[in-house]
Every structure is written in C-alpha cells, then in structure tokens.
Amino acid sequence: MSQLSEAIEKIKLFCLPALNAGLSKQDIEVFLKDFPFQPATEIYELYQLSDGLGKVNEFSILFAILNLSEAVSLYKHCCKD
C-alpha cells in the first residue's frame, strides 16, 4: 500500500461519512482529457480511492479534498487567460 493510500485510509477513520466513493480510471480520464499536461499517477490513485469530501463545512474546510469536478473547475478558473 502506498503512502497516499495509507493516508486516505487514516482520513476515512475520521470522516468516512463525508468521503465520496472513488472514481474509475476512465471517469478520471474524462475529467482530465483537456488538461495541458499528464497528471501524476498519484492523482489517479487519490481519486480512485475517494472523489474528495462530500459536504464541506467550516470545520472540515481545513482538511478539504475537492472532488475532481470541483478541482478541475477551480483549475480552469485560476488558469483562464
């Protein structure tokens, strides 16, 4: 088990109800198809384990893991010309 997988498993202990189910590799590729670079394998691993946190509140914002849709939207917003 990689360090990332171990960390996600620890996070699940504290916020299991808030974690979204993981995505398939094909689903991840659909979200990332227009990216100008190839994401690291850890990105695929992360989002296969969990597609981020569900409801984020003021407490969990410190530990927020954006779901892939939100992460891609934020990237596009920050990097638009």
Protein backbone atom coordinates (compact mmCIF):
# COMPACT_ATOMS: atom_id res chain seq x y z
CA MET A 1 0.00 0.00 0.00
CA SER A 2 1.40 3.39 -0.97
CA GLN A 3 1.81 6.25 1.49
CA LEU A 4 -1.08 8.04 -0.22
CA SER A 5 -3.37 5.01 0.21
CA GLU A 6 -2.36 4.74 3.86
CA ALA A 7 -3.11 8.44 4.42
CA ILE A 8 -6.54 8.15 2.78
CA GLU A 9 -7.34 5.16 4.97
CA LYS A 10 -6.48 7.24 8.05
CA ILE A 11 -8.66 10.11 6.80
CA LYS A 12 -11.53 7.65 6.32
CA LEU A 13 -11.41 6.86 10.04
CA PHE A 14 -12.28 10.47 10.88
CA CYS A 15 -14.61 11.49 8.10
CA LEU A 16 -15.90 8.32 6.44
CA PRO A 17 -19.47 9.61 6.05
CA ALA A 18 -18.21 12.68 4.23
CA LEU A 19 -15.95 10.89 1.73
CA ASN A 20 -17.32 10.34 -1.74
CA ALA A 21 -16.89 7.00 -3.46
CA GLY A 22 -13.85 6.67 -5.71
CA LEU A 23 -13.91 7.10 -9.49
CA SER A 24 -12.86 4.65 -12.15
CA LYS A 25 -9.73 5.41 -14.15
CA GLN A 26 -11.95 6.02 -17.20
CA ASP A 27 -14.05 8.58 -15.27
CA ILE A 28 -10.90 10.38 -14.16
CA GLU A 29 -9.60 10.47 -17.73
CA VAL A 30 -12.85 12.08 -18.90
CA PHE A 31 -12.44 14.89 -16.35
CA LEU A 32 -8.77 15.38 -17.26
CA LYS A 33 -8.99 14.98 -21.04
CA ASP A 34 -8.50 18.72 -21.74
CA PHE A 35 -5.62 19.24 -19.34
CA PRO A 36 -2.46 20.61 -20.96
CA PHE A 37 -0.31 18.07 -19.08
CA GLN A 38 -0.40 14.47 -17.89
CA PRO A 39 -1.26 14.37 -14.17
CA ALA A 40 0.91 12.33 -11.82
CA THR A 41 -0.13 8.76 -11.09
CA GLU A 42 -0.90 9.86 -7.52
CA ILE A 43 -3.79 11.97 -8.85
CA TYR A 44 -5.33 8.84 -10.33
CA GLU A 45 -4.67 6.91 -7.13
CA LEU A 46 -6.21 9.64 -4.95
CA TYR A 47 -9.41 9.93 -6.95
CA GLN A 48 -9.76 6.17 -7.34
CA LEU A 49 -9.67 5.87 -3.54
CA SER A 50 -12.09 8.75 -2.97
CA ASP A 51 -13.60 11.54 -5.05
CA GLY A 52 -13.00 14.06 -2.30
CA LEU A 53 -15.19 15.12 0.56
CA GLY A 54 -18.94 15.44 0.22
CA LYS A 55 -20.36 18.29 2.26
CA VAL A 56 -17.65 20.65 3.41
CA ASN A 57 -18.37 22.78 6.46
CA GLU A 58 -16.36 25.30 8.43
CA PHE A 59 -14.69 22.51 10.43
CA SER A 60 -13.78 20.24 7.55
CA ILE A 61 -12.60 23.02 5.22
CA LEU A 62 -9.15 22.72 6.82
CA PHE A 63 -8.96 19.13 5.60
CA ALA A 64 -10.97 19.51 2.41
CA ILE A 65 -10.17 17.33 -0.55
CA LEU A 66 -12.03 18.74 -3.52
CA ASN A 67 -13.89 16.29 -5.66
CA LEU A 68 -12.39 16.05 -9.14
CA SER A 69 -15.13 18.11 -10.77
CA GLU A 70 -14.55 20.99 -8.32
CA ALA A 71 -10.77 20.70 -8.65
CA VAL A 72 -10.94 20.87 -12.46
CA SER A 73 -13.33 23.85 -12.32
CA LEU A 74 -11.03 25.67 -9.89
CA TYR A 75 -8.02 24.96 -12.11
CA LYS A 76 -9.83 26.30 -15.18
CA HIS A 77 -10.96 29.40 -13.27
CA CYS A 78 -7.47 30.14 -11.95
CA CYS A 79 -5.70 29.47 -15.25
CA LYS A 80 -8.00 31.14 -17.72
CA ASP A 81 -6.43 33.79 -19.93
